[in-house]
Amino acid sequence: MAGQNTCEDFEVEREGSERNLRINCVGCIYYPSIEDSEHCMEMIINKLIEIGGVTNIILSSDQNYIYPYEQTELLDEVAQVYLKLEQQFEIMKYPLVEEPQAQKLLIEHLSVMKDIILSRFKRDPIGAYVKAIRELREEKARNEGLNTQLKKLSDLQILKLSTIVDELSKTQMMQQLKDRLPGYKIGEREIYRELFEPSIKPNFMYARLVMDPPLKAQEVETYEIGKKDKSEVIIYDVPEDVTKKYYIHPPEFALSDEEYELLNGARDILAKHKPREEEFTDSKRMRDVFFKLSRDLLQEVAKQRNLKVSFQKIETLARILVRLTVGFGLIELLLEDEKVEDIYVNPPVGRVPIILKHAEYGELKTNIIPNVRDAKGWASRFRMMSGRPLDDANPVLDTELETEFIRARVSIVQEPLSPNGLTFVFRRHREKPFTFHLLVKYKSMTPLAAGLLWFLIDGSRTILVAGTRGAGKSSILAACLVQIMRKFRIIVVEDTLELPVTYLRDMNYNILSMKVGSALAGTSNEMNATDGIRTTLRLGDSALIVGEVRSTEAVALYEAMRVGALANVVAGTIHGDSAYGIFDRVVNDLKVPRTSFKATDIIMIAQKLKSPDGLTERRRITNIVEIRKHWEDDPMREKGFVSLMTYDAKEDKLKPDRALLEGDSEILKNIAGNVREWAGKWDLVWEEIMLRGKIVETILKFANDYKMPDLLESDFVIVANDYYHKIFEKLKDEQGYPESKDMLALFEDWMKEVVRKRGGQLI
């Protein structure tokens, strides 16, 4: 095929006894259809002449068009006839003549034969057959009145045409259509649709799964994942390899033969329904529609085939169909594993397995090898779902994936930035946001640090959560969101929706999400982050949460901090590994005026710390730093950074610094100065911070003692925080200012009642 296409790329795949011809039609200027495209048919026959017979023909484009053996054989017979005519019968070989009339007749014969053999035979074998029949009839009619030399040429032409007709008439193609040929108009392709009807399968059904464990592998752990459809996960340790293996056995591989038959039948029908591009903008609704359609279709196919399948199994098969048609295949199953943090699909796709980041074992190689068609299908869907460009001019796309069971941030890089092809990174988010209590459990912070941060949030301070990539910045910021009282309005500004806004809204938070354009994206119809943040200043008193400070929006963020228009906590994340590093980046890289940086009250540093062997990592908050306001040029030299808490590596915990223990904190004093009961009374402020830490510790103790880990989750923590504020108010009315021991006693009594109602038993 000519032009700007890639249809010359092909491979012969061997699957058992089958020999499949797979042709890459991505980017082809012609539609990948043997029945509708003469160019496609010619290209296929040329391949068959070149490589010999095959079992199936697969045209790979946005979907896979599979022509089974019966249809492939029709074209293979035509290819064999062409070879026979060319090599055995030398159909294009004519004798030399000198007589002018003979030369004229010879030219006419050559013209006819070129049209039949060279122009039509491979593109339109039926048209070539019909033309040969009609030309043979005409040649026989004029043969009678010719002189000897001309008659010799005519006899030769009759012989050649007869050979073509005889050979083609033996093929199954002509045998099946012989009653349709009278009156056939040469060039019409409608007739080919009676012969060729490919089964259409989505391109993301071709990921390879390695089922056998590695040689000499030792099983480390086995567990089950999945909310509804269960998958088995096995972790293997392989000698002489520092990277462990992650093997998943999805439900698709636990189906019976009848269920496979049912799934295949429904899948081929469903694959013919092509969602419109606008349907991808509401992916949740589209998935719901496809699920119901799949379920009804499976029931109908089961009824037609007299298969007895339970309704529960029908729903399982319907969910599989949704994953394999409008979903993201096995990626969705991996994201259902609560221990998975990141998933990497590296180029060249199809040659390397998917790699993931595991909470306990670090980076693991999976047994999934995705197909190039998988990757291109995912990229197309993410482009449509996000409404953002992904092309040569805009090779980076940041977006999100959200289904009934999973939330993830997705980053995609394509050529030319990724010269070896598409790259995907999926960052999994928890179903529920992190809480300070969970961070204390995992030793990322201490109860005292939780109490301090909770106090700062209620004190409406400006906080930056800093750290390296993967240090847990977004998780900490989400935990901060949970600590904001539900009576306050919250505005969240993000370029990629990572924070649990929907969850918090369902928990009766007054929260508004604003999605702005990505700093890395090119042209987009989205408002940029700078204008998005400035817009929040017009939306009334609110807490402002910025997903990540990346670029010029930093100027607008500090504008919001300085004017105090939001009258509540302002928080965001930023890349950096120290307070001075953040100052340097904000002032020198992001061009925020030096004095504006003073609007930052607290910088919290989170880091990933490696073990001595380098094989494991742990996340820790390593520093909580106060930014003072008296410096002019360099906060480091002029002691503008005051550490309130610092990580002690020997004890593996965050410990209070002297400034915090002695009350030498301007930020805490400012908070106290605005509260009548705390003004000038550091002991009460410290007591309040300690009390909040003890509240966190109390919940953690009850969760451990009664084996009720759900007490550490955000849905309970939000209720517990509300109760804390209510008993504070109650005791304040009774005592003037509540005693910490009374607060703690009331809270413990309430916790006991909560545990009793939930049926908890002391361990």
Foldseek 3Di string as FASTA:
>chain_A
DDDFFQQVDWDWDDDPPFTEIETEGERPPDDCDLLPFLVNQLSLLVVCLVPPAGAWYWYDYQWTFIWGRQLSQLSNLLSVLLVCCCPVVVLLDDDDDDDVVLVVVVVVLNVLSCCLNVNDSRSPVLLSLLSLVVVLVVLVVPLPPDDDSNNVVSVSSNVSSVSSNVSNCPGPVCVVCVVVNVVDDRPDSPVCVVRTDTQIFGLFPDKDFDDDDDPPWDWDDWDWFDDQFIKIWTWTDDPPDLAIEIEIGGVVNVDDPVLVVLLVVLRSVLLVDDDDLLCLQCVAVVLVVQLVVQLVSSVVSCVVVVHDDDSSVSSVSSNQSSCRHVRLHCVVVVLRPPQWFKWKQDPPQQPAAIWTQGNWFGIHGYRIGTDPSSQVNVVVSQCSNLVADDDQVQQWDWEWDDYPRWIWIKIWGAPPVRVRGIMIMTGTADPFAAAVLVCCVLQQAALLVNLVLLLLQQLQAEEEEEEAPPLCSLSVLLNSVLSHAQVFEEEEEEQYPDHPQVVVVVLNHNYHYAHAHDPSGDDGPGHHLLVVLVVVLVVAAHEYEYAEDDALSLQSLLVCLVVVSNVGHYYYYYYDADPQRVLCCVCPVRPHPNLSVLSHAKYWYKYWDADPVRRDTGIHGAWIWGAARPDDHGCVVVVRIDTQWGADPVVSHIGGDPCNVVVVGPSLQVSQCVPVVRHPPVVVSSLSSVLSSVLSVLLSVLCVFQVPVCSSTSSNVSVLSVVLVVVQVVVCVVPVGDDSVVSVVVSNVVVVVVCVVVVTDGD
